[in-house]
Amino acid sequence: MISLLLSSPLAFITLALALVISITLHEFAHAWMADRLGDPTPRLQDRVTLNPLAHLDPVGTLALLFFGFGWGKPVVFDPYNLDNHRRDTLLIAGAGPLSNILLATLLALIAPLLPIPLALIQVIISVNIMLAIFNLVPIHPLDGGKILSGLLPRELAREYDAALEQYGIWVLLLLVFPVAGGTSAVSYLIGPVIGLVEGILFFLMRVNPLL
């Protein structure tokens, strides 16, 4: 990211804006869903808002700028306030990636109506798709870990959670650490999926009757 700032300030600003929008929406969706399911914790912490300042983590933002990999401020919720802990945790976890996919799809459909350059819209779409699919990787602390835990049989879910709460962060670091050619293992795993979804949405933009 810093090298991009030095080589192309406009591209850096465009990417930074797309990341702020995507992360803000993602964390807001977690908070909104928890609030809707009866847990007041996110609202008490002022997280049910689209104000980026409520959702950007200082360390995660700096990591994003310097290393191209970062994170937003996690939304905290109290499972004891939920009617159905397993189901509702799954819904809260899934709300983040789903919000990014919905925004990307909506932008692809209404792009010609927006007073925004198409190039910026494409960057926002790409960033939202990457954020959504990366977070669906089924390991903790990513959303995919909580989603898979909610789908597994209860006993298997306990074993899965216990293992990944202990080792999940190390597995994640191994996945995002650049390997041969400077590309991370997770990029090899999810890159084709990201490319497929992006291709579908960019195709929708090209054949959009509003163009």
N, C-alpha and C. Protein backbone atom coordinates (compact mmCIF):
# COMPACT_ATOMS: atom_id res chain seq x y z
N MET A 1 0.82 -1.21 0.00
CA MET A 1 0.00 0.00 0.00
C MET A 1 0.86 1.26 0.00
N ILE A 2 1.91 1.31 0.81
CA ILE A 2 2.77 2.48 0.85
C ILE A 2 3.46 2.67 -0.49
N SER A 3 3.90 1.57 -1.11
CA SER A 3 4.53 1.67 -2.42
C SER A 3 3.55 2.21 -3.45
N LEU A 4 2.28 1.82 -3.31
CA LEU A 4 1.25 2.33 -4.22
C LEU A 4 1.07 3.83 -4.03
N LEU A 5 1.13 4.30 -2.79
CA LEU A 5 1.02 5.73 -2.51
C LEU A 5 2.12 6.50 -3.21
N LEU A 6 3.34 5.94 -3.20
CA LEU A 6 4.47 6.62 -3.81
C LEU A 6 4.42 6.58 -5.33
N SER A 7 3.91 5.46 -5.87
CA SER A 7 3.89 5.32 -7.33
C SER A 7 2.65 5.93 -7.97
N SER A 8 1.51 5.86 -7.27
CA SER A 8 0.26 6.38 -7.84
C SER A 8 -0.66 6.84 -6.71
N PRO A 9 -0.51 8.09 -6.28
CA PRO A 9 -1.34 8.60 -5.17
C PRO A 9 -2.84 8.48 -5.43
N LEU A 10 -3.28 8.69 -6.68
CA LEU A 10 -4.71 8.60 -6.98
C LEU A 10 -5.21 7.17 -6.78
N ALA A 11 -4.44 6.19 -7.25
CA ALA A 11 -4.82 4.79 -7.07
C ALA A 11 -4.86 4.43 -5.59
N PHE A 12 -3.91 4.97 -4.81
CA PHE A 12 -3.88 4.73 -3.37
C PHE A 12 -5.14 5.27 -2.71
N ILE A 13 -5.50 6.51 -3.05
CA ILE A 13 -6.69 7.13 -2.45
C ILE A 13 -7.94 6.34 -2.82
N THR A 14 -8.02 5.90 -4.08
CA THR A 14 -9.17 5.12 -4.54
C THR A 14 -9.28 3.81 -3.76
N LEU A 15 -8.16 3.11 -3.61
CA LEU A 15 -8.17 1.84 -2.88
C LEU A 15 -8.48 2.07 -1.40
N ALA A 16 -7.89 3.11 -0.81
CA ALA A 16 -8.14 3.40 0.61
C ALA A 16 -9.61 3.70 0.84
N LEU A 17 -10.22 4.47 -0.05
CA LEU A 17 -11.64 4.79 0.08
C LEU A 17 -12.49 3.53 -0.02
N ALA A 18 -12.15 2.66 -0.96
CA ALA A 18 -12.89 1.41 -1.12
C ALA A 18 -12.78 0.54 0.12
N LEU A 19 -11.60 0.50 0.73
CA LEU A 19 -11.39 -0.30 1.93
C LEU A 19 -12.19 0.25 3.11
N VAL A 20 -12.19 1.58 3.26
CA VAL A 20 -12.94 2.20 4.36
C VAL A 20 -14.42 1.88 4.21
N ILE A 21 -14.96 2.03 3.00
CA ILE A 21 -16.37 1.74 2.76
C ILE A 21 -16.68 0.27 3.07
N SER A 22 -15.84 -0.62 2.59
CA SER A 22 -16.09 -2.06 2.73
C SER A 22 -16.01 -2.52 4.18
N ILE A 23 -14.97 -2.08 4.89
CA ILE A 23 -14.80 -2.48 6.29
C ILE A 23 -15.91 -1.89 7.16
N THR A 24 -16.25 -0.62 6.90
CA THR A 24 -17.31 0.03 7.68
C THR A 24 -18.63 -0.71 7.52
N LEU A 25 -18.99 -1.02 6.28
CA LEU A 25 -20.25 -1.74 6.04
C LEU A 25 -20.22 -3.11 6.69
N HIS A 26 -19.10 -3.81 6.57
CA HIS A 26 -18.96 -5.15 7.12
C HIS A 26 -19.20 -5.17 8.63
N GLU A 27 -18.53 -4.27 9.34
CA GLU A 27 -18.66 -4.24 10.80
C GLU A 27 -20.03 -3.72 11.22
N PHE A 28 -20.56 -2.73 10.49
CA PHE A 28 -21.90 -2.25 10.78
C PHE A 28 -22.92 -3.38 10.67
N ALA A 29 -22.78 -4.23 9.65
CA ALA A 29 -23.73 -5.33 9.45
C ALA A 29 -23.70 -6.30 10.63
N HIS A 30 -22.50 -6.60 11.14
CA HIS A 30 -22.40 -7.43 12.35
C HIS A 30 -23.17 -6.79 13.51
N ALA A 31 -22.90 -5.51 13.72
CA ALA A 31 -23.52 -4.80 14.85
C ALA A 31 -25.03 -4.71 14.68
N TRP A 32 -25.49 -4.40 13.47
CA TRP A 32 -26.92 -4.28 13.20
C TRP A 32 -27.64 -5.60 13.44
N MET A 33 -27.05 -6.69 12.98
CA MET A 33 -27.69 -7.99 13.15
C MET A 33 -27.77 -8.38 14.61
N ALA A 34 -26.68 -8.16 15.37
CA ALA A 34 -26.70 -8.47 16.80
C ALA A 34 -27.78 -7.65 17.51
N ASP A 35 -27.88 -6.38 17.13
CA ASP A 35 -28.89 -5.50 17.71
C ASP A 35 -30.30 -6.00 17.39
N ARG A 36 -30.51 -6.40 16.15
CA ARG A 36 -31.82 -6.91 15.72
C ARG A 36 -32.18 -8.20 16.43
N LEU A 37 -31.18 -8.99 16.80
CA LEU A 37 -31.43 -10.27 17.45
C LEU A 37 -31.54 -10.13 18.97
N GLY A 38 -31.53 -8.90 19.46
CA GLY A 38 -31.83 -8.68 20.87
C GLY A 38 -30.66 -8.37 21.78
N ASP A 39 -29.46 -8.24 21.22
CA ASP A 39 -28.31 -7.91 22.07
C ASP A 39 -28.00 -6.42 21.96
N PRO A 40 -28.13 -5.68 23.05
CA PRO A 40 -27.89 -4.23 23.00
C PRO A 40 -26.42 -3.84 23.05
N THR A 41 -25.53 -4.81 23.20
CA THR A 41 -24.11 -4.50 23.39
C THR A 41 -23.54 -3.62 22.27
N PRO A 42 -23.72 -3.98 20.98
CA PRO A 42 -23.16 -3.11 19.93
C PRO A 42 -23.72 -1.70 19.95
N ARG A 43 -25.01 -1.55 20.25
CA ARG A 43 -25.60 -0.22 20.29
C ARG A 43 -25.02 0.59 21.45
N LEU A 44 -24.83 -0.05 22.61
CA LEU A 44 -24.25 0.63 23.76
C LEU A 44 -22.81 1.06 23.49
N GLN A 45 -22.15 0.35 22.58
CA GLN A 45 -20.77 0.69 22.22
C GLN A 45 -20.71 1.57 20.97
N ASP A 46 -21.88 2.09 20.54
CA ASP A 46 -21.96 2.99 19.38
C ASP A 46 -21.44 2.35 18.10
N ARG A 47 -21.76 1.07 17.93
CA ARG A 47 -21.30 0.37 16.73
C ARG A 47 -22.40 0.24 15.67
N VAL A 48 -23.65 0.53 16.01
CA VAL A 48 -24.73 0.44 15.03
C VAL A 48 -24.77 1.77 14.29
N THR A 49 -23.74 2.03 13.52
CA THR A 49 -23.57 3.29 12.80
C THR A 49 -22.72 3.05 11.57
N LEU A 50 -22.91 3.91 10.57
CA LEU A 50 -22.08 3.85 9.36
C LEU A 50 -20.93 4.85 9.42
N ASN A 51 -20.66 5.37 10.60
CA ASN A 51 -19.51 6.25 10.79
C ASN A 51 -18.23 5.41 10.79
N PRO A 52 -17.35 5.60 9.82
CA PRO A 52 -16.14 4.76 9.75
C PRO A 52 -15.29 4.81 11.01
N LEU A 53 -15.30 5.93 11.72
CA LEU A 53 -14.46 6.06 12.91
C LEU A 53 -14.86 5.06 13.99
N ALA A 54 -16.09 4.58 13.95
CA ALA A 54 -16.55 3.61 14.94
C ALA A 54 -16.05 2.21 14.64
N HIS A 55 -15.59 1.98 13.42
CA HIS A 55 -15.29 0.61 12.99
C HIS A 55 -13.84 0.37 12.58
N LEU A 56 -13.06 1.43 12.40
CA LEU A 56 -11.67 1.25 11.98
C LEU A 56 -10.77 1.04 13.20
N ASP A 57 -10.03 -0.04 13.19
CA ASP A 57 -9.09 -0.35 14.27
C ASP A 57 -7.75 0.33 13.96
N PRO A 58 -7.20 1.11 14.90
CA PRO A 58 -5.95 1.84 14.61
C PRO A 58 -4.82 0.93 14.15
N VAL A 59 -4.58 -0.17 14.86
CA VAL A 59 -3.50 -1.09 14.48
C VAL A 59 -3.81 -1.77 13.16
N GLY A 60 -5.06 -2.19 13.00
CA GLY A 60 -5.45 -2.85 11.76
C GLY A 60 -5.33 -1.93 10.56
N THR A 61 -5.65 -0.65 10.76
CA THR A 61 -5.54 0.33 9.67
C THR A 61 -4.08 0.56 9.30
N LEU A 62 -3.20 0.68 10.29
CA LEU A 62 -1.78 0.86 10.02
C LEU A 62 -1.20 -0.37 9.32
N ALA A 63 -1.62 -1.56 9.76
CA ALA A 63 -1.15 -2.78 9.11
C ALA A 63 -1.59 -2.82 7.66
N LEU A 64 -2.80 -2.34 7.42
CA LEU A 64 -3.32 -2.30 6.05
C LEU A 64 -2.48 -1.38 5.19
N LEU A 65 -2.11 -0.22 5.72
CA LEU A 65 -1.33 0.76 4.97
C LEU A 65 0.08 0.27 4.68
N PHE A 66 0.69 -0.40 5.67
CA PHE A 66 2.09 -0.79 5.51
C PHE A 66 2.27 -2.17 4.90
N PHE A 67 1.33 -3.08 5.17
CA PHE A 67 1.52 -4.46 4.73
C PHE A 67 0.46 -4.95 3.75
N GLY A 68 -0.59 -4.13 3.53
CA GLY A 68 -1.66 -4.55 2.63
C GLY A 68 -2.58 -5.59 3.23
N PHE A 69 -2.48 -5.82 4.53
CA PHE A 69 -3.35 -6.77 5.22
C PHE A 69 -3.72 -6.17 6.57
N GLY A 70 -5.01 -5.97 6.80
CA GLY A 70 -5.43 -5.37 8.06
C GLY A 70 -6.80 -5.86 8.47
N TRP A 71 -7.41 -5.13 9.40
CA TRP A 71 -8.70 -5.56 9.92
C TRP A 71 -9.44 -4.37 10.52
N GLY A 72 -10.74 -4.52 10.67
CA GLY A 72 -11.55 -3.53 11.35
C GLY A 72 -11.67 -3.88 12.82
N LYS A 73 -12.32 -3.00 13.57
CA LYS A 73 -12.53 -3.24 15.00
C LYS A 73 -13.63 -4.28 15.15
N PRO A 74 -13.33 -5.43 15.78
CA PRO A 74 -14.35 -6.48 15.90
C PRO A 74 -15.57 -6.01 16.68
N VAL A 75 -16.73 -6.45 16.25
CA VAL A 75 -17.97 -6.14 16.95
C VAL A 75 -18.15 -7.13 18.09
N VAL A 76 -18.31 -6.63 19.29
CA VAL A 76 -18.49 -7.47 20.48
C VAL A 76 -19.98 -7.65 20.73
N PHE A 77 -20.39 -8.89 20.95
CA PHE A 77 -21.78 -9.14 21.34
C PHE A 77 -21.82 -10.16 22.46
N ASP A 78 -22.90 -10.13 23.22
CA ASP A 78 -23.06 -11.00 24.38
C ASP A 78 -24.00 -12.16 24.01
N PRO A 79 -23.47 -13.37 23.89
CA PRO A 79 -24.30 -14.51 23.48
C PRO A 79 -25.44 -14.80 24.45
N TYR A 80 -25.32 -14.35 25.69
CA TYR A 80 -26.38 -14.61 26.67
C TYR A 80 -27.61 -13.75 26.40
N ASN A 81 -27.48 -12.75 25.56
CA ASN A 81 -28.64 -11.94 25.18
C ASN A 81 -29.36 -12.49 23.95
N LEU A 82 -28.86 -13.57 23.39
CA LEU A 82 -29.43 -14.13 22.17
C LEU A 82 -30.39 -15.28 22.52
N ASP A 83 -31.47 -15.39 21.80
CA ASP A 83 -32.45 -16.45 22.04
C ASP A 83 -31.89 -17.82 21.70
N ASN A 84 -31.18 -17.90 20.58
CA ASN A 84 -30.60 -19.16 20.12
C ASN A 84 -29.13 -18.90 19.81
N HIS A 85 -28.26 -19.27 20.74
CA HIS A 85 -26.85 -18.88 20.64
C HIS A 85 -26.21 -19.33 19.34
N ARG A 86 -26.35 -20.61 18.99
CA ARG A 86 -25.69 -21.14 17.78
C ARG A 86 -26.25 -20.50 16.51
N ARG A 87 -27.55 -20.46 16.39
CA ARG A 87 -28.16 -19.89 15.19
C ARG A 87 -27.87 -18.41 15.06
N ASP A 88 -28.02 -17.68 16.17
CA ASP A 88 -27.87 -16.23 16.11
C ASP A 88 -26.41 -15.82 15.91
N THR A 89 -25.48 -16.57 16.49
CA THR A 89 -24.06 -16.30 16.25
C THR A 89 -23.72 -16.50 14.78
N LEU A 90 -24.28 -17.54 14.18
CA LEU A 90 -24.09 -17.78 12.75
C LEU A 90 -24.63 -16.60 11.93
N LEU A 91 -25.81 -16.12 12.30
CA LEU A 91 -26.41 -15.00 11.56
C LEU A 91 -25.60 -13.72 11.71
N ILE A 92 -25.10 -13.47 12.91
CA ILE A 92 -24.28 -12.28 13.14
C ILE A 92 -22.98 -12.37 12.33
N ALA A 93 -22.37 -13.55 12.36
CA ALA A 93 -21.12 -13.73 11.60
C ALA A 93 -21.36 -13.60 10.11
N GLY A 94 -22.45 -14.16 9.62
CA GLY A 94 -22.73 -14.14 8.19
C GLY A 94 -23.15 -12.79 7.67
N ALA A 95 -23.63 -11.92 8.55
CA ALA A 95 -24.13 -10.61 8.12
C ALA A 95 -23.02 -9.76 7.50
N GLY A 96 -21.80 -9.87 8.01
CA GLY A 96 -20.70 -9.07 7.48
C GLY A 96 -20.38 -9.39 6.03
N PRO A 97 -20.00 -10.65 5.72
CA PRO A 97 -19.72 -11.00 4.32
C PRO A 97 -20.92 -10.79 3.41
N LEU A 98 -22.12 -11.09 3.90
CA LEU A 98 -23.31 -10.92 3.06
C LEU A 98 -23.50 -9.45 2.69
N SER A 99 -23.25 -8.54 3.62
CA SER A 99 -23.41 -7.12 3.32
C SER A 99 -22.46 -6.68 2.22
N ASN A 100 -21.24 -7.21 2.23
CA ASN A 100 -20.28 -6.85 1.19
C ASN A 100 -20.69 -7.39 -0.17
N ILE A 101 -21.20 -8.61 -0.20
CA ILE A 101 -21.65 -9.20 -1.46
C ILE A 101 -22.86 -8.43 -2.00
N LEU A 102 -23.78 -8.07 -1.11
CA LEU A 102 -24.97 -7.32 -1.54
C LEU A 102 -24.59 -5.95 -2.08
N LEU A 103 -23.65 -5.26 -1.41
CA LEU A 103 -23.24 -3.95 -1.89
C LEU A 103 -22.58 -4.07 -3.27
N ALA A 104 -21.70 -5.05 -3.42
CA ALA A 104 -21.02 -5.24 -4.71
C ALA A 104 -22.03 -5.51 -5.81
N THR A 105 -23.02 -6.34 -5.53
CA THR A 105 -24.05 -6.67 -6.53
C THR A 105 -24.89 -5.44 -6.86
N LEU A 106 -25.28 -4.69 -5.84
CA LEU A 106 -26.08 -3.49 -6.05
C LEU A 106 -25.32 -2.47 -6.90
N LEU A 107 -24.04 -2.28 -6.61
CA LEU A 107 -23.24 -1.33 -7.37
C LEU A 107 -23.13 -1.75 -8.84
N ALA A 108 -22.99 -3.07 -9.06
CA ALA A 108 -22.90 -3.56 -10.44
C ALA A 108 -24.18 -3.29 -11.21
N LEU A 109 -25.30 -3.32 -10.52
CA LEU A 109 -26.60 -3.14 -11.18
C LEU A 109 -26.95 -1.67 -11.42
N ILE A 110 -26.52 -0.79 -10.51
CA ILE A 110 -26.94 0.62 -10.63
C ILE A 110 -25.77 1.54 -10.97
N ALA A 111 -24.62 0.97 -11.34
CA ALA A 111 -23.44 1.78 -11.61
C ALA A 111 -23.69 2.96 -12.53
N PRO A 112 -24.46 2.79 -13.64
CA PRO A 112 -24.65 3.92 -14.56
C PRO A 112 -25.44 5.07 -13.95
N LEU A 113 -26.16 4.82 -12.87
CA LEU A 113 -26.98 5.87 -12.27
C LEU A 113 -26.21 6.69 -11.25
N LEU A 114 -24.99 6.25 -10.91
CA LEU A 114 -24.24 6.90 -9.84
C LEU A 114 -23.28 7.95 -10.41
N PRO A 115 -23.18 9.09 -9.72
CA PRO A 115 -22.25 10.13 -10.17
C PRO A 115 -20.83 9.84 -9.72
N ILE A 116 -20.38 8.61 -9.96
CA ILE A 116 -19.06 8.15 -9.52
C ILE A 116 -18.37 7.53 -10.73
N PRO A 117 -17.10 7.75 -10.94
CA PRO A 117 -16.39 7.10 -12.05
C PRO A 117 -16.52 5.57 -11.99
N LEU A 118 -16.72 4.95 -13.14
CA LEU A 118 -16.86 3.50 -13.17
C LEU A 118 -15.64 2.79 -12.61
N ALA A 119 -14.47 3.37 -12.80
CA ALA A 119 -13.25 2.75 -12.29
C ALA A 119 -13.29 2.65 -10.77
N LEU A 120 -13.80 3.68 -10.09
CA LEU A 120 -13.91 3.64 -8.64
C LEU A 120 -14.95 2.61 -8.21
N ILE A 121 -16.04 2.54 -8.94
CA ILE A 121 -17.07 1.55 -8.62
C ILE A 121 -16.51 0.13 -8.74
N GLN A 122 -15.72 -0.12 -9.76
CA GLN A 122 -15.12 -1.44 -9.93
C GLN A 122 -14.16 -1.78 -8.80
N VAL A 123 -13.41 -0.78 -8.33
CA VAL A 123 -12.50 -1.02 -7.21
C VAL A 123 -13.31 -1.35 -5.95
N ILE A 124 -14.38 -0.61 -5.70
CA ILE A 124 -15.22 -0.87 -4.52
C ILE A 124 -15.82 -2.26 -4.61
N ILE A 125 -16.28 -2.65 -5.80
CA ILE A 125 -16.84 -4.00 -5.99
C ILE A 125 -15.78 -5.05 -5.68
N SER A 126 -14.59 -4.88 -6.23
CA SER A 126 -13.52 -5.87 -6.03
C SER A 126 -13.14 -6.00 -4.57
N VAL A 127 -13.00 -4.87 -3.89
CA VAL A 127 -12.60 -4.90 -2.48
C VAL A 127 -13.68 -5.58 -1.63
N ASN A 128 -14.95 -5.28 -1.91
CA ASN A 128 -16.03 -5.91 -1.16
C ASN A 128 -16.06 -7.42 -1.38
N ILE A 129 -15.85 -7.84 -2.61
CA ILE A 129 -15.83 -9.28 -2.89
C ILE A 129 -14.66 -9.95 -2.20
N MET A 130 -13.48 -9.33 -2.27
CA MET A 130 -12.31 -9.91 -1.60
C MET A 130 -12.52 -10.01 -0.10
N LEU A 131 -13.07 -8.94 0.50
CA LEU A 131 -13.30 -8.94 1.95
C LEU A 131 -14.30 -10.01 2.34
N ALA A 132 -15.37 -10.14 1.56
CA ALA A 132 -16.40 -11.13 1.87
C ALA A 132 -15.86 -12.54 1.80
N ILE A 133 -15.20 -12.87 0.70
CA ILE A 133 -14.74 -14.24 0.49
C ILE A 133 -13.60 -14.59 1.44
N PHE A 134 -12.70 -13.64 1.69
CA PHE A 134 -11.64 -13.91 2.66
C PHE A 134 -12.23 -14.22 4.03
N ASN A 135 -13.24 -13.46 4.44
CA ASN A 135 -13.83 -13.68 5.76
C ASN A 135 -14.64 -14.97 5.84
N LEU A 136 -14.96 -15.57 4.69
CA LEU A 136 -15.69 -16.83 4.69
C LEU A 136 -14.76 -18.05 4.81
N VAL A 137 -13.45 -17.81 4.82
CA VAL A 137 -12.52 -18.92 5.07
C VAL A 137 -12.83 -19.48 6.46
N PRO A 138 -13.10 -20.79 6.57
CA PRO A 138 -13.65 -21.34 7.82
C PRO A 138 -12.64 -21.60 8.94
N ILE A 139 -11.97 -20.55 9.36
CA ILE A 139 -11.09 -20.67 10.52
C ILE A 139 -11.31 -19.45 11.42
N HIS A 140 -11.11 -19.63 12.71
CA HIS A 140 -11.17 -18.51 13.64
C HIS A 140 -9.89 -17.68 13.50
N PRO A 141 -9.95 -16.37 13.62
CA PRO A 141 -11.08 -15.57 14.09
C PRO A 141 -11.95 -15.01 12.96
N LEU A 142 -11.86 -15.56 11.77
CA LEU A 142 -12.67 -15.06 10.65
C LEU A 142 -14.13 -15.47 10.82
N ASP A 143 -15.01 -14.77 10.11
CA ASP A 143 -16.44 -15.05 10.20
C ASP A 143 -16.75 -16.48 9.77
N GLY A 144 -16.00 -16.98 8.81
CA GLY A 144 -16.25 -18.33 8.32
C GLY A 144 -16.11 -19.39 9.40
N GLY A 145 -15.24 -19.15 10.38
CA GLY A 145 -15.11 -20.09 11.49
C GLY A 145 -16.37 -20.18 12.31
N LYS A 146 -16.98 -19.02 12.59
CA LYS A 146 -18.23 -19.01 13.36
C LYS A 146 -19.38 -19.59 12.55
N ILE A 147 -19.37 -19.32 11.25
CA ILE A 147 -20.44 -19.85 10.40
C ILE A 147 -20.37 -21.37 10.35
N LEU A 148 -19.19 -21.91 10.13
CA LEU A 148 -19.05 -23.37 10.07
C LEU A 148 -19.39 -24.00 11.41
N SER A 149 -18.97 -23.35 12.50
CA SER A 149 -19.28 -23.86 13.84
C SER A 149 -20.79 -23.95 14.05
N GLY A 150 -21.53 -22.97 13.54
CA GLY A 150 -22.98 -22.98 13.68
C GLY A 150 -23.66 -24.03 12.82
N LEU A 151 -22.97 -24.48 11.77
CA LEU A 151 -23.56 -25.48 10.87
C LEU A 151 -23.23 -26.92 11.27
N LEU A 152 -22.12 -27.08 12.00
CA LEU A 152 -21.70 -28.43 12.40
C LEU A 152 -22.59 -28.98 13.51
N PRO A 153 -22.66 -30.31 13.65
CA PRO A 153 -23.33 -30.89 14.82
C PRO A 153 -22.70 -30.35 16.10
N ARG A 154 -23.49 -30.23 17.13
CA ARG A 154 -23.07 -29.53 18.34
C ARG A 154 -21.75 -30.06 18.91
N GLU A 155 -21.60 -31.37 19.04
CA GLU A 155 -20.38 -31.92 19.64
C GLU A 155 -19.16 -31.66 18.76
N LEU A 156 -19.34 -31.85 17.46
CA LEU A 156 -18.24 -31.59 16.53
C LEU A 156 -17.88 -30.11 16.52
N ALA A 157 -18.88 -29.26 16.66
CA ALA A 157 -18.63 -27.82 16.70
C ALA A 157 -17.79 -27.45 17.93
N ARG A 158 -18.05 -28.10 19.06
CA ARG A 158 -17.27 -27.82 20.28
C ARG A 158 -15.80 -28.17 20.05
N GLU A 159 -15.56 -29.34 19.45
CA GLU A 159 -14.18 -29.76 19.20
C GLU A 159 -13.50 -28.84 18.20
N TYR A 160 -14.24 -28.45 17.19
CA TYR A 160 -13.71 -27.55 16.17
C TYR A 160 -13.34 -26.20 16.77
N ASP A 161 -14.25 -25.65 17.59
CA ASP A 161 -14.00 -24.36 18.23
C ASP A 161 -12.79 -24.44 19.16
N ALA A 162 -12.70 -25.52 19.93
CA ALA A 162 -11.60 -25.66 20.88
C ALA A 162 -10.26 -25.69 20.15
N ALA A 163 -10.20 -26.42 19.03
CA ALA A 163 -8.95 -26.52 18.28
C ALA A 163 -8.58 -25.18 17.64
N LEU A 164 -9.55 -24.52 17.03
CA LEU A 164 -9.23 -23.30 16.30
C LEU A 164 -9.09 -22.09 17.21
N GLU A 165 -9.70 -22.12 18.40
CA GLU A 165 -9.46 -21.03 19.34
C GLU A 165 -8.01 -21.06 19.82
N GLN A 166 -7.42 -22.26 19.81
CA GLN A 166 -6.03 -22.41 20.24
C GLN A 166 -5.05 -22.16 19.09
N TYR A 167 -5.40 -22.67 17.90
CA TYR A 167 -4.44 -22.63 16.79
C TYR A 167 -4.90 -21.78 15.60
N GLY A 168 -6.14 -21.29 15.62
CA GLY A 168 -6.69 -20.61 14.46
C GLY A 168 -5.87 -19.42 14.00
N ILE A 169 -5.41 -18.59 14.94
CA ILE A 169 -4.67 -17.39 14.56
C ILE A 169 -3.35 -17.75 13.88
N TRP A 170 -2.74 -18.86 14.32
CA TRP A 170 -1.47 -19.28 13.70
C TRP A 170 -1.71 -19.84 12.31
N VAL A 171 -2.81 -20.56 12.16
CA VAL A 171 -3.18 -21.06 10.83
C VAL A 171 -3.44 -19.88 9.89
N LEU A 172 -4.12 -18.86 10.40
CA LEU A 172 -4.43 -17.69 9.59
C LEU A 172 -3.15 -16.97 9.17
N LEU A 173 -2.21 -16.81 10.10
CA LEU A 173 -0.96 -16.14 9.78
C LEU A 173 -0.19 -16.92 8.72
N LEU A 174 -0.19 -18.24 8.81
CA LEU A 174 0.47 -19.05 7.79
C LEU A 174 -0.19 -18.88 6.43
N LEU A 175 -1.51 -18.76 6.44
CA LEU A 175 -2.24 -18.63 5.18
C LEU A 175 -1.98 -17.29 4.50
N VAL A 176 -1.83 -16.22 5.28
CA VAL A 176 -1.67 -14.89 4.68
C VAL A 176 -0.20 -14.52 4.47
N PHE A 177 0.71 -15.32 5.03
CA PHE A 177 2.13 -15.02 4.86
C PHE A 177 2.56 -15.33 3.43
N PRO A 178 3.21 -14.38 2.75
CA PRO A 178 3.61 -14.62 1.36
C PRO A 178 4.56 -15.82 1.24
N VAL A 179 4.31 -16.64 0.23
CA VAL A 179 5.17 -17.79 -0.03
C VAL A 179 5.84 -17.59 -1.39
N ALA A 180 5.93 -18.65 -2.19
CA ALA A 180 6.61 -18.58 -3.49
C ALA A 180 6.02 -17.49 -4.36
N GLY A 181 6.90 -16.67 -4.91
CA GLY A 181 6.45 -15.61 -5.81
C GLY A 181 5.80 -14.44 -5.09
N GLY A 182 5.90 -14.41 -3.76
CA GLY A 182 5.31 -13.31 -3.01
C GLY A 182 3.80 -13.40 -2.86
N THR A 183 3.22 -14.55 -3.19
CA THR A 183 1.77 -14.75 -3.08
C THR A 183 1.46 -15.63 -1.89
N SER A 184 0.43 -15.29 -1.12
CA SER A 184 0.07 -16.06 0.06
C SER A 184 -0.72 -17.32 -0.32
N ALA A 185 -0.72 -18.28 0.60
CA ALA A 185 -1.46 -19.52 0.37
C ALA A 185 -2.95 -19.25 0.23
N VAL A 186 -3.46 -18.31 1.03
CA VAL A 186 -4.89 -18.02 0.97
C VAL A 186 -5.27 -17.42 -0.38
N SER A 187 -4.34 -16.68 -1.00
CA SER A 187 -4.62 -16.12 -2.32
C SER A 187 -4.81 -17.23 -3.34
N TYR A 188 -3.98 -18.28 -3.25
CA TYR A 188 -4.14 -19.42 -4.15
C TYR A 188 -5.48 -20.11 -3.93
N LEU A 189 -5.93 -20.15 -2.67
CA LEU A 189 -7.17 -20.86 -2.34
C LEU A 189 -8.41 -20.09 -2.77
N ILE A 190 -8.44 -18.80 -2.49
CA ILE A 190 -9.67 -18.04 -2.74
C ILE A 190 -9.61 -17.18 -3.99
N GLY A 191 -8.42 -17.04 -4.57
CA GLY A 191 -8.27 -16.22 -5.76
C GLY A 191 -9.22 -16.61 -6.89
N PRO A 192 -9.33 -17.92 -7.22
CA PRO A 192 -10.25 -18.31 -8.30
C PRO A 192 -11.71 -17.97 -7.99
N VAL A 193 -12.11 -18.09 -6.72
CA VAL A 193 -13.49 -17.77 -6.34
C VAL A 193 -13.73 -16.27 -6.49
N ILE A 194 -12.77 -15.47 -6.03
CA ILE A 194 -12.88 -14.02 -6.17
C ILE A 194 -12.98 -13.64 -7.64
N GLY A 195 -12.12 -14.25 -8.46
CA GLY A 195 -12.14 -13.96 -9.89
C GLY A 195 -13.46 -14.31 -10.54
N LEU A 196 -14.04 -15.44 -10.12
CA LEU A 196 -15.32 -15.86 -10.69
C LEU A 196 -16.43 -14.88 -10.35
N VAL A 197 -16.52 -14.50 -9.06
CA VAL A 197 -17.59 -13.58 -8.63
C VAL A 197 -17.39 -12.21 -9.28
N GLU A 198 -16.15 -11.72 -9.31
CA GLU A 198 -15.88 -10.45 -9.97
C GLU A 198 -16.27 -10.50 -11.44
N GLY A 199 -15.94 -11.61 -12.10
CA GLY A 199 -16.27 -11.74 -13.51
C GLY A 199 -17.76 -11.66 -13.75
N ILE A 200 -18.54 -12.29 -12.88
CA ILE A 200 -20.01 -12.25 -13.02
C ILE A 200 -20.52 -10.82 -12.84
N LEU A 201 -20.03 -10.13 -11.82
CA LEU A 201 -20.52 -8.77 -11.55
C LEU A 201 -20.07 -7.78 -12.63
N PHE A 202 -18.84 -7.92 -13.10
CA PHE A 202 -18.38 -7.02 -14.17
C PHE A 202 -19.12 -7.31 -15.47
N PHE A 203 -19.50 -8.56 -15.68
CA PHE A 203 -20.32 -8.91 -16.85
C PHE A 203 -21.69 -8.23 -16.74
N LEU A 204 -22.27 -8.23 -15.54
CA LEU A 204 -23.55 -7.54 -15.32
C LEU A 204 -23.43 -6.06 -15.63
N MET A 205 -22.28 -5.48 -15.29
CA MET A 205 -22.09 -4.07 -15.57
C MET A 205 -22.02 -3.82 -17.08
N ARG A 206 -21.38 -4.73 -17.82
CA ARG A 206 -21.23 -4.54 -19.27
C ARG A 206 -22.55 -4.69 -20.01
N VAL A 207 -23.40 -5.62 -19.54
CA VAL A 207 -24.65 -5.86 -20.27
C VAL A 207 -25.82 -5.09 -19.66
N ASN A 208 -25.52 -4.24 -18.67
CA ASN A 208 -26.57 -3.48 -18.00
C ASN A 208 -27.33 -2.62 -19.02
N PRO A 209 -28.64 -2.76 -19.12
CA PRO A 209 -29.41 -1.96 -20.09
C PRO A 209 -29.39 -0.48 -19.81
N LEU A 210 -28.95 -0.10 -18.60
CA LEU A 210 -28.89 1.32 -18.26
C LEU A 210 -27.67 1.99 -18.89
N LEU A 211 -26.70 1.19 -19.36
CA LEU A 211 -25.49 1.76 -19.94
C LEU A 211 -25.79 2.37 -21.29
